[in-house]
N, C-alpha and C. Protein backbone atom coordinates (compact mmCIF):
# COMPACT_ATOMS: atom_id res chain seq x y z
N MET A 1 -3.32 7.52 4.25
CA MET A 1 -2.02 6.78 3.34
C MET A 1 -2.33 5.45 3.11
N HIS A 2 -2.50 5.38 1.37
CA HIS A 2 -2.24 3.92 0.62
C HIS A 2 -1.55 2.68 1.72
N GLN A 3 0.07 2.93 1.31
CA GLN A 3 0.68 2.18 2.04
C GLN A 3 0.40 1.58 3.36
N ALA A 4 0.35 2.37 4.56
CA ALA A 4 -0.19 1.85 5.23
C ALA A 4 -1.52 1.34 5.72
N ARG A 5 -2.34 1.34 4.90
CA ARG A 5 -3.51 0.64 4.95
C ARG A 5 -2.95 -0.86 4.48
N VAL A 6 -2.66 -0.69 3.35
CA VAL A 6 -2.18 -2.21 2.50
C VAL A 6 -1.04 -2.67 3.61
N ILE A 7 -0.36 -2.37 4.53
CA ILE A 7 0.65 -3.03 5.31
C ILE A 7 -0.13 -3.51 6.48
N TYR A 8 -0.97 -2.82 6.84
CA TYR A 8 -2.30 -3.37 8.01
C TYR A 8 -3.09 -3.90 7.49
N GLN A 9 -3.27 -4.19 5.99
CA GLN A 9 -4.40 -5.14 5.94
C GLN A 9 -3.42 -6.65 5.76
N ARG A 10 -2.31 -6.37 5.43
CA ARG A 10 -1.59 -7.76 5.08
C ARG A 10 -1.37 -7.97 6.20
N LEU A 11 -0.81 -7.53 7.86
CA LEU A 11 -1.00 -7.77 9.21
C LEU A 11 -2.03 -8.57 9.13
N GLY A 12 -3.34 -8.40 9.17
CA GLY A 12 -4.45 -9.10 9.41
C GLY A 12 -4.33 -10.28 8.77
N GLU A 13 -3.70 -10.58 7.64
CA GLU A 13 -3.87 -11.52 6.72
C GLU A 13 -2.90 -12.70 7.93
N VAL A 14 -1.96 -12.24 8.32
CA VAL A 14 -1.20 -12.95 9.10
C VAL A 14 -1.34 -13.14 10.24
N LEU A 15 -1.81 -12.15 10.89
CA LEU A 15 -2.73 -12.75 12.17
C LEU A 15 -3.44 -13.71 12.11
N GLU A 16 -4.62 -13.45 11.28
CA GLU A 16 -5.58 -14.44 11.36
C GLU A 16 -4.63 -16.05 10.44
N ARG A 17 -4.01 -16.11 9.56
CA ARG A 17 -3.24 -17.65 9.88
C ARG A 17 -2.30 -17.78 10.89
N ALA A 18 -2.20 -17.28 11.61
CA ALA A 18 -1.63 -17.37 12.72
C ALA A 18 -2.88 -17.76 14.32
N GLY A 19 -4.17 -17.56 13.49
CA GLY A 19 -5.23 -18.03 14.54
C GLY A 19 -5.62 -16.84 15.32
N CYS A 20 -4.81 -15.47 15.35
CA CYS A 20 -5.49 -14.38 16.42
C CYS A 20 -6.05 -13.51 15.36
N ASP A 21 -5.90 -12.20 15.72
CA ASP A 21 -6.44 -11.28 15.35
C ASP A 21 -5.64 -9.66 15.59
N PHE A 22 -6.26 -8.57 15.77
CA PHE A 22 -5.45 -7.20 16.09
C PHE A 22 -5.24 -6.98 17.39
N SER A 23 -6.72 -7.70 18.09
CA SER A 23 -7.06 -7.73 19.16
C SER A 23 -5.71 -8.90 19.90
N ASP A 24 -5.09 -9.33 19.09
CA ASP A 24 -3.97 -10.21 20.15
C ASP A 24 -2.28 -9.36 19.97
N VAL A 25 -2.80 -8.40 19.47
CA VAL A 25 -1.05 -7.48 19.11
C VAL A 25 -1.47 -6.28 20.26
N VAL A 26 0.50 -6.77 20.91
CA VAL A 26 0.34 -6.20 22.04
C VAL A 26 1.52 -5.07 22.02
N ALA A 27 2.19 -4.98 20.44
CA ALA A 27 3.28 -3.69 20.29
C ALA A 27 3.49 -3.63 18.69
N THR A 28 3.54 -2.56 18.55
CA THR A 28 4.11 -2.38 17.45
C THR A 28 5.33 -1.22 16.56
N ARG A 29 5.83 -1.58 15.80
CA ARG A 29 7.35 -0.41 15.50
C ARG A 29 6.85 -0.17 14.17
N GLU A 30 6.71 1.48 14.13
CA GLU A 30 6.99 2.20 12.15
C GLU A 30 7.94 2.26 12.20
N PHE A 31 8.64 2.05 11.01
CA PHE A 31 9.64 2.66 10.50
C PHE A 31 8.96 3.60 9.40
N ILE A 32 9.85 4.91 9.49
CA ILE A 32 9.07 5.61 8.44
C ILE A 32 10.17 6.67 7.99
N THR A 33 10.15 7.06 6.68
CA THR A 33 11.12 7.54 5.98
C THR A 33 10.77 9.34 6.13
N THR A 34 9.45 9.07 6.37
CA THR A 34 9.22 11.16 6.66
C THR A 34 7.89 10.93 7.22
N THR A 35 7.80 12.21 7.61
CA THR A 35 7.12 12.73 8.61
C THR A 35 5.59 13.14 7.95
N ASP A 36 6.10 13.68 6.35
CA ASP A 36 4.52 14.23 5.95
C ASP A 36 3.79 12.94 5.88
N ARG A 37 2.41 13.54 6.30
CA ARG A 37 1.34 12.24 6.10
C ARG A 37 0.90 11.97 7.39
N TYR A 38 2.24 11.68 8.36
CA TYR A 38 2.11 10.88 9.58
C TYR A 38 0.44 10.58 10.12
N ARG A 39 0.00 11.82 10.02
CA ARG A 39 -1.05 11.82 10.98
C ARG A 39 -2.14 11.05 10.90
N GLU A 40 -1.78 10.61 8.90
CA GLU A 40 -2.85 9.81 8.10
C GLU A 40 -2.77 8.57 8.22
N THR A 41 -1.43 8.42 8.83
CA THR A 41 -0.74 7.15 9.38
C THR A 41 -1.27 6.04 10.40
N ALA A 42 -1.35 7.47 11.11
CA ALA A 42 -1.88 7.68 13.03
C ALA A 42 -3.34 6.78 12.52
N ALA A 43 -4.67 7.90 11.67
CA ALA A 43 -5.83 7.48 11.36
C ALA A 43 -5.89 6.23 11.31
N VAL A 44 -5.22 6.06 10.02
CA VAL A 44 -5.47 4.27 9.56
C VAL A 44 -4.83 3.12 10.04
N ARG A 45 -4.18 3.60 11.57
CA ARG A 45 -3.98 2.60 12.73
C ARG A 45 -5.15 2.37 13.63
N ARG A 46 -5.90 3.33 13.78
CA ARG A 46 -7.15 3.14 14.38
C ARG A 46 -7.98 2.81 13.96
N GLU A 47 -7.88 2.38 12.62
CA GLU A 47 -9.11 1.64 12.04
C GLU A 47 -9.38 0.03 11.96
N PHE A 48 -7.49 0.05 12.26
CA PHE A 48 -7.29 -1.60 12.36
C PHE A 48 -7.63 -2.21 14.01
N PHE A 49 -6.68 -1.03 15.19
CA PHE A 49 -6.56 -1.35 16.11
C PHE A 49 -7.54 -0.75 17.07
N SER A 50 -8.31 -0.86 18.07
CA SER A 50 -9.10 0.05 19.22
C SER A 50 -8.60 -0.30 20.45
N ASP A 51 -9.26 0.12 21.12
CA ASP A 51 -8.61 0.75 22.85
C ASP A 51 -9.22 -0.59 23.57
N PRO A 52 -8.02 -1.40 24.03
CA PRO A 52 -6.86 -0.09 24.60
C PRO A 52 -5.56 -0.69 23.34
N PHE A 53 -5.30 -0.03 23.00
CA PHE A 53 -4.30 0.21 21.99
C PHE A 53 -2.91 -0.74 21.92
N PRO A 54 -2.68 -1.23 21.25
CA PRO A 54 -1.07 -1.67 21.30
C PRO A 54 -0.29 -0.63 21.69
N ALA A 55 0.87 -1.25 22.82
CA ALA A 55 2.18 -0.08 22.54
C ALA A 55 2.89 -0.12 20.99
N ALA A 56 3.64 1.14 20.83
CA ALA A 56 3.67 1.93 19.28
C ALA A 56 4.91 2.60 19.63
N THR A 57 6.02 2.70 18.81
CA THR A 57 6.85 3.03 18.90
C THR A 57 7.38 3.56 17.57
N GLY A 58 7.59 4.91 16.76
CA GLY A 58 7.84 5.32 15.65
C GLY A 58 9.12 5.57 15.70
N VAL A 59 9.86 5.27 14.30
CA VAL A 59 11.06 5.15 14.33
C VAL A 59 11.31 6.14 13.14
N ILE A 60 12.13 6.91 12.90
CA ILE A 60 12.19 8.13 11.49
C ILE A 60 13.71 6.96 10.95
N VAL A 61 13.74 6.74 9.72
CA VAL A 61 15.18 5.77 9.23
C VAL A 61 14.97 6.84 8.31
N ALA A 62 16.42 6.98 7.53
CA ALA A 62 17.17 7.22 6.19
C ALA A 62 16.11 6.90 4.96
N GLY A 63 16.13 5.31 5.22
CA GLY A 63 15.63 4.79 3.99
C GLY A 63 14.73 3.10 3.96
N LEU A 64 14.34 2.74 3.61
CA LEU A 64 13.77 1.42 3.72
C LEU A 64 14.49 1.00 2.02
N LEU A 65 14.27 -0.56 2.09
CA LEU A 65 15.08 -1.52 0.94
C LEU A 65 14.43 -1.02 -0.07
N ARG A 66 12.94 -1.28 -0.21
CA ARG A 66 12.09 -1.34 -1.55
C ARG A 66 12.58 0.66 -1.75
N ALA A 67 12.58 0.68 -3.20
CA ALA A 67 12.42 2.37 -3.62
C ALA A 67 10.83 2.47 -3.16
N GLY A 68 10.45 3.57 -3.06
CA GLY A 68 9.04 4.24 -2.89
C GLY A 68 8.33 3.88 -2.02
N VAL A 69 8.65 3.26 -0.62
CA VAL A 69 8.35 2.77 0.41
C VAL A 69 8.75 3.79 1.31
N VAL A 70 7.41 4.60 2.20
CA VAL A 70 7.81 5.13 3.30
C VAL A 70 7.57 4.51 4.42
N ILE A 71 6.78 3.49 4.73
CA ILE A 71 6.36 2.96 6.26
C ILE A 71 6.79 1.57 5.92
N GLU A 72 7.12 0.87 6.91
CA GLU A 72 7.73 -0.76 7.63
C GLU A 72 7.01 -0.82 8.63
N LEU A 73 6.09 -2.16 8.99
CA LEU A 73 5.65 -2.27 10.13
C LEU A 73 6.37 -3.88 10.75
N GLU A 74 6.54 -3.48 11.79
CA GLU A 74 6.80 -4.65 12.55
C GLU A 74 5.94 -5.04 14.35
N ALA A 75 5.37 -6.32 13.79
CA ALA A 75 4.01 -6.15 15.30
C ALA A 75 4.58 -6.97 15.81
N VAL A 76 3.90 -7.59 17.46
CA VAL A 76 4.54 -8.37 18.25
C VAL A 76 2.94 -8.66 18.85
N ALA A 77 2.14 -10.24 18.51
CA ALA A 77 1.41 -10.79 18.69
C ALA A 77 1.41 -11.42 20.09
N ALA A 78 0.19 -11.52 21.20
CA ALA A 78 0.61 -12.44 22.18
C ALA A 78 -0.82 -13.73 22.21
N LEU A 79 -0.21 -14.48 21.99
CA LEU A 79 -1.74 -15.91 21.57
C LEU A 79 -1.99 -16.28 22.69
N ARG A 80 -3.30 -16.07 22.95
CA ARG A 80 -3.83 -16.43 24.55
C ARG A 80 -4.26 -17.90 24.53
């Protein structure tokens, strides 16, 4: 899913600026407007994270602020 890949790439940029990377992420929360193609989103997530995966919560919402957006990501990283 293109939107998922873009947000994970942007998350990588934010993490890098903070001096960390995906291995420092301990939890994520994905807000989605539909479960259609959600398996593709999970596959994209696995491209960026590896075992042990961070805790993850998926939340289905009625809509997001920007038209056409189907996923929004929140992540928590623990700096070591």
